[in-house]
Amino acid sequence: MDEFFASKPASNHTHLCVGPLTRAAAAEAVDDVIGDGLGYYIYIAEAANVRGPVEVLGRLAGQEAARHLCDLLGLRTYATA
């Protein structure tokens, strides 16, 4: 199963993102009791660094749920390596 990432501007300084978290962000998510850090999340990130520190809004049930949310929000998805 290929992973994907999607984002769009939420403000002048932030992006709304859907995708897996980086290892550092996943470690923070575990600390915040949002799950084990694996899987797909919806989160807010700084526009200058969408892979940097993030504010996790929620965990998604799986890749299909993440794709449906992207469709609903009009987010274009990108494959990740």
N, C-alpha and C. Protein backbone atom coordinates (compact mmCIF):
# COMPACT_ATOMS: atom_id res chain seq x y z
N MET A 1 0.85 -1.18 0.00
CA MET A 1 0.00 0.00 0.00
C MET A 1 0.89 1.24 0.00
N ASP A 2 0.72 2.09 -0.99
CA ASP A 2 1.48 3.33 -1.07
C ASP A 2 0.90 4.36 -0.12
N GLU A 3 1.79 5.13 0.51
CA GLU A 3 1.33 6.21 1.36
C GLU A 3 1.15 7.46 0.52
N PHE A 4 0.37 8.40 1.04
CA PHE A 4 0.19 9.66 0.34
C PHE A 4 0.15 10.79 1.36
N PHE A 5 0.26 12.00 0.84
CA PHE A 5 0.26 13.21 1.65
C PHE A 5 -0.54 14.25 0.89
N ALA A 6 -1.31 15.07 1.61
CA ALA A 6 -2.08 16.15 0.98
C ALA A 6 -2.05 17.36 1.89
N SER A 7 -2.05 18.54 1.29
CA SER A 7 -2.12 19.76 2.09
C SER A 7 -2.70 20.90 1.27
N LYS A 8 -3.19 21.90 1.99
CA LYS A 8 -3.63 23.13 1.35
C LYS A 8 -3.54 24.24 2.38
N PRO A 9 -3.34 25.47 1.93
CA PRO A 9 -3.23 26.58 2.88
C PRO A 9 -4.48 26.72 3.75
N ALA A 10 -4.25 26.90 5.04
CA ALA A 10 -5.33 27.16 5.98
C ALA A 10 -5.33 28.64 6.37
N SER A 11 -4.16 29.25 6.32
CA SER A 11 -3.99 30.68 6.58
C SER A 11 -2.71 31.10 5.87
N ASN A 12 -2.28 32.34 6.09
CA ASN A 12 -1.03 32.79 5.48
C ASN A 12 0.19 32.04 6.01
N HIS A 13 0.06 31.46 7.20
CA HIS A 13 1.22 30.85 7.85
C HIS A 13 1.08 29.37 8.12
N THR A 14 -0.10 28.79 7.84
CA THR A 14 -0.31 27.38 8.15
C THR A 14 -0.95 26.62 7.00
N HIS A 15 -0.75 25.31 7.01
CA HIS A 15 -1.38 24.41 6.05
C HIS A 15 -2.17 23.36 6.80
N LEU A 16 -3.29 22.95 6.21
CA LEU A 16 -4.06 21.82 6.69
C LEU A 16 -3.53 20.61 5.93
N CYS A 17 -3.13 19.58 6.65
CA CYS A 17 -2.48 18.42 6.04
C CYS A 17 -3.18 17.13 6.41
N VAL A 18 -3.15 16.17 5.48
CA VAL A 18 -3.61 14.81 5.73
C VAL A 18 -2.51 13.89 5.26
N GLY A 19 -2.08 12.99 6.13
CA GLY A 19 -1.05 12.04 5.76
C GLY A 19 -0.43 11.41 6.98
N PRO A 20 0.58 10.57 6.76
CA PRO A 20 1.29 9.98 7.88
C PRO A 20 2.16 11.04 8.54
N LEU A 21 2.53 10.82 9.77
CA LEU A 21 3.37 11.77 10.49
C LEU A 21 4.84 11.39 10.37
N THR A 22 5.72 12.36 10.53
CA THR A 22 7.14 12.07 10.60
C THR A 22 7.40 11.33 11.91
N ARG A 23 8.55 10.74 12.05
CA ARG A 23 8.87 10.02 13.29
C ARG A 23 8.82 10.94 14.50
N ALA A 24 9.33 12.15 14.35
CA ALA A 24 9.32 13.10 15.47
C ALA A 24 7.90 13.49 15.84
N ALA A 25 7.08 13.78 14.84
CA ALA A 25 5.69 14.15 15.11
C ALA A 25 4.92 12.96 15.68
N ALA A 26 5.24 11.76 15.21
CA ALA A 26 4.58 10.56 15.74
C ALA A 26 4.91 10.38 17.22
N ALA A 27 6.17 10.64 17.58
CA ALA A 27 6.56 10.52 18.98
C ALA A 27 5.78 11.52 19.83
N GLU A 28 5.58 12.74 19.32
CA GLU A 28 4.78 13.74 20.04
C GLU A 28 3.33 13.30 20.12
N ALA A 29 2.81 12.67 19.06
CA ALA A 29 1.42 12.21 19.06
C ALA A 29 1.20 11.16 20.14
N VAL A 30 2.18 10.28 20.33
CA VAL A 30 2.08 9.27 21.38
C VAL A 30 2.04 9.96 22.74
N ASP A 31 2.88 10.97 22.92
CA ASP A 31 2.89 11.72 24.18
C ASP A 31 1.54 12.39 24.43
N ASP A 32 0.87 12.80 23.37
CA ASP A 32 -0.42 13.48 23.49
C ASP A 32 -1.60 12.50 23.56
N VAL A 33 -1.31 11.20 23.62
CA VAL A 33 -2.32 10.14 23.71
C VAL A 33 -3.31 10.20 22.55
N ILE A 34 -2.80 10.37 21.34
CA ILE A 34 -3.68 10.38 20.17
C ILE A 34 -3.56 9.05 19.42
N GLY A 35 -2.73 8.17 19.88
CA GLY A 35 -2.54 6.88 19.23
C GLY A 35 -1.09 6.49 19.30
N ASP A 36 -0.72 5.53 18.46
CA ASP A 36 0.65 5.04 18.47
C ASP A 36 1.55 5.79 17.50
N GLY A 37 1.00 6.80 16.82
CA GLY A 37 1.79 7.58 15.87
C GLY A 37 1.82 7.01 14.48
N LEU A 38 1.25 5.82 14.28
CA LEU A 38 1.20 5.20 12.97
C LEU A 38 -0.14 5.49 12.31
N GLY A 39 -0.18 5.45 11.00
CA GLY A 39 -1.43 5.67 10.28
C GLY A 39 -1.54 7.07 9.72
N TYR A 40 -2.76 7.47 9.43
CA TYR A 40 -3.03 8.77 8.81
C TYR A 40 -3.67 9.73 9.80
N TYR A 41 -3.28 10.99 9.69
CA TYR A 41 -3.74 12.03 10.59
C TYR A 41 -4.15 13.26 9.80
N ILE A 42 -5.00 14.07 10.38
CA ILE A 42 -5.27 15.41 9.87
C ILE A 42 -4.63 16.36 10.88
N TYR A 43 -3.85 17.30 10.37
CA TYR A 43 -3.10 18.17 11.27
C TYR A 43 -2.81 19.52 10.63
N ILE A 44 -2.45 20.47 11.48
CA ILE A 44 -2.05 21.81 11.05
C ILE A 44 -0.53 21.91 11.18
N ALA A 45 0.12 22.43 10.14
CA ALA A 45 1.57 22.59 10.14
C ALA A 45 1.93 23.99 9.66
N GLU A 46 3.09 24.46 10.04
CA GLU A 46 3.58 25.74 9.55
C GLU A 46 3.81 25.63 8.04
N ALA A 47 3.42 26.65 7.30
CA ALA A 47 3.55 26.64 5.84
C ALA A 47 5.00 26.46 5.40
N ALA A 48 5.93 27.00 6.16
CA ALA A 48 7.34 26.92 5.80
C ALA A 48 7.93 25.54 6.08
N ASN A 49 7.24 24.71 6.86
CA ASN A 49 7.78 23.41 7.23
C ASN A 49 6.64 22.44 7.54
N VAL A 50 5.95 21.92 6.50
CA VAL A 50 4.79 21.06 6.73
C VAL A 50 5.16 19.72 7.35
N ARG A 51 6.43 19.36 7.34
CA ARG A 51 6.87 18.11 7.97
C ARG A 51 7.47 18.35 9.35
N GLY A 52 7.44 19.59 9.81
CA GLY A 52 8.01 19.94 11.11
C GLY A 52 7.02 19.73 12.23
N PRO A 53 7.17 20.42 13.34
CA PRO A 53 6.22 20.29 14.45
C PRO A 53 4.80 20.59 13.96
N VAL A 54 3.86 19.79 14.42
CA VAL A 54 2.48 19.90 13.95
C VAL A 54 1.51 19.93 15.12
N GLU A 55 0.29 20.39 14.83
CA GLU A 55 -0.81 20.31 15.78
C GLU A 55 -1.79 19.26 15.24
N VAL A 56 -1.80 18.10 15.86
CA VAL A 56 -2.65 17.00 15.41
C VAL A 56 -4.10 17.31 15.78
N LEU A 57 -4.97 17.26 14.77
CA LEU A 57 -6.40 17.49 14.97
C LEU A 57 -7.15 16.18 15.19
N GLY A 58 -6.68 15.10 14.55
CA GLY A 58 -7.34 13.82 14.72
C GLY A 58 -6.66 12.72 13.94
N ARG A 59 -6.96 11.50 14.33
CA ARG A 59 -6.45 10.32 13.64
C ARG A 59 -7.56 9.77 12.76
N LEU A 60 -7.19 9.33 11.57
CA LEU A 60 -8.16 8.78 10.62
C LEU A 60 -8.15 7.26 10.69
N ALA A 61 -9.28 6.65 10.38
CA ALA A 61 -9.45 5.21 10.52
C ALA A 61 -8.53 4.40 9.61
N GLY A 62 -8.08 4.99 8.52
CA GLY A 62 -7.21 4.28 7.59
C GLY A 62 -7.02 5.08 6.32
N GLN A 63 -6.36 4.45 5.36
CA GLN A 63 -6.06 5.15 4.11
C GLN A 63 -7.34 5.51 3.35
N GLU A 64 -8.32 4.63 3.34
CA GLU A 64 -9.56 4.93 2.62
C GLU A 64 -10.27 6.14 3.24
N ALA A 65 -10.31 6.20 4.56
CA ALA A 65 -10.91 7.34 5.25
C ALA A 65 -10.13 8.61 4.94
N ALA A 66 -8.80 8.51 4.90
CA ALA A 66 -7.97 9.67 4.59
C ALA A 66 -8.24 10.17 3.17
N ARG A 67 -8.38 9.27 2.23
CA ARG A 67 -8.67 9.66 0.85
C ARG A 67 -10.05 10.31 0.73
N HIS A 68 -11.03 9.76 1.43
CA HIS A 68 -12.37 10.36 1.42
C HIS A 68 -12.34 11.77 2.01
N LEU A 69 -11.61 11.95 3.09
CA LEU A 69 -11.51 13.29 3.70
C LEU A 69 -10.83 14.26 2.74
N CYS A 70 -9.79 13.81 2.06
CA CYS A 70 -9.12 14.66 1.07
C CYS A 70 -10.07 15.07 -0.04
N ASP A 71 -10.87 14.11 -0.52
CA ASP A 71 -11.86 14.42 -1.55
C ASP A 71 -12.86 15.45 -1.04
N LEU A 72 -13.35 15.25 0.18
CA LEU A 72 -14.33 16.14 0.78
C LEU A 72 -13.77 17.56 0.94
N LEU A 73 -12.51 17.67 1.34
CA LEU A 73 -11.88 18.98 1.57
C LEU A 73 -11.25 19.57 0.31
N GLY A 74 -11.26 18.82 -0.78
CA GLY A 74 -10.66 19.32 -2.02
C GLY A 74 -9.15 19.36 -1.97
N LEU A 75 -8.55 18.42 -1.25
CA LEU A 75 -7.10 18.36 -1.15
C LEU A 75 -6.54 17.46 -2.25
N ARG A 76 -5.51 17.93 -2.90
CA ARG A 76 -4.83 17.12 -3.91
C ARG A 76 -3.81 16.24 -3.20
N THR A 77 -3.78 14.96 -3.52
CA THR A 77 -2.87 14.04 -2.84
C THR A 77 -1.60 13.82 -3.66
N TYR A 78 -0.52 13.52 -2.94
CA TYR A 78 0.78 13.26 -3.53
C TYR A 78 1.33 11.96 -2.94
N ALA A 79 1.86 11.09 -3.78
CA ALA A 79 2.48 9.86 -3.29
C ALA A 79 3.76 10.21 -2.54
N THR A 80 4.02 9.47 -1.48
CA THR A 80 5.25 9.66 -0.72
C THR A 80 6.12 8.43 -0.88
N ALA A 81 7.42 8.62 -0.79
CA ALA A 81 8.34 7.50 -0.95
C ALA A 81 8.62 6.83 0.36
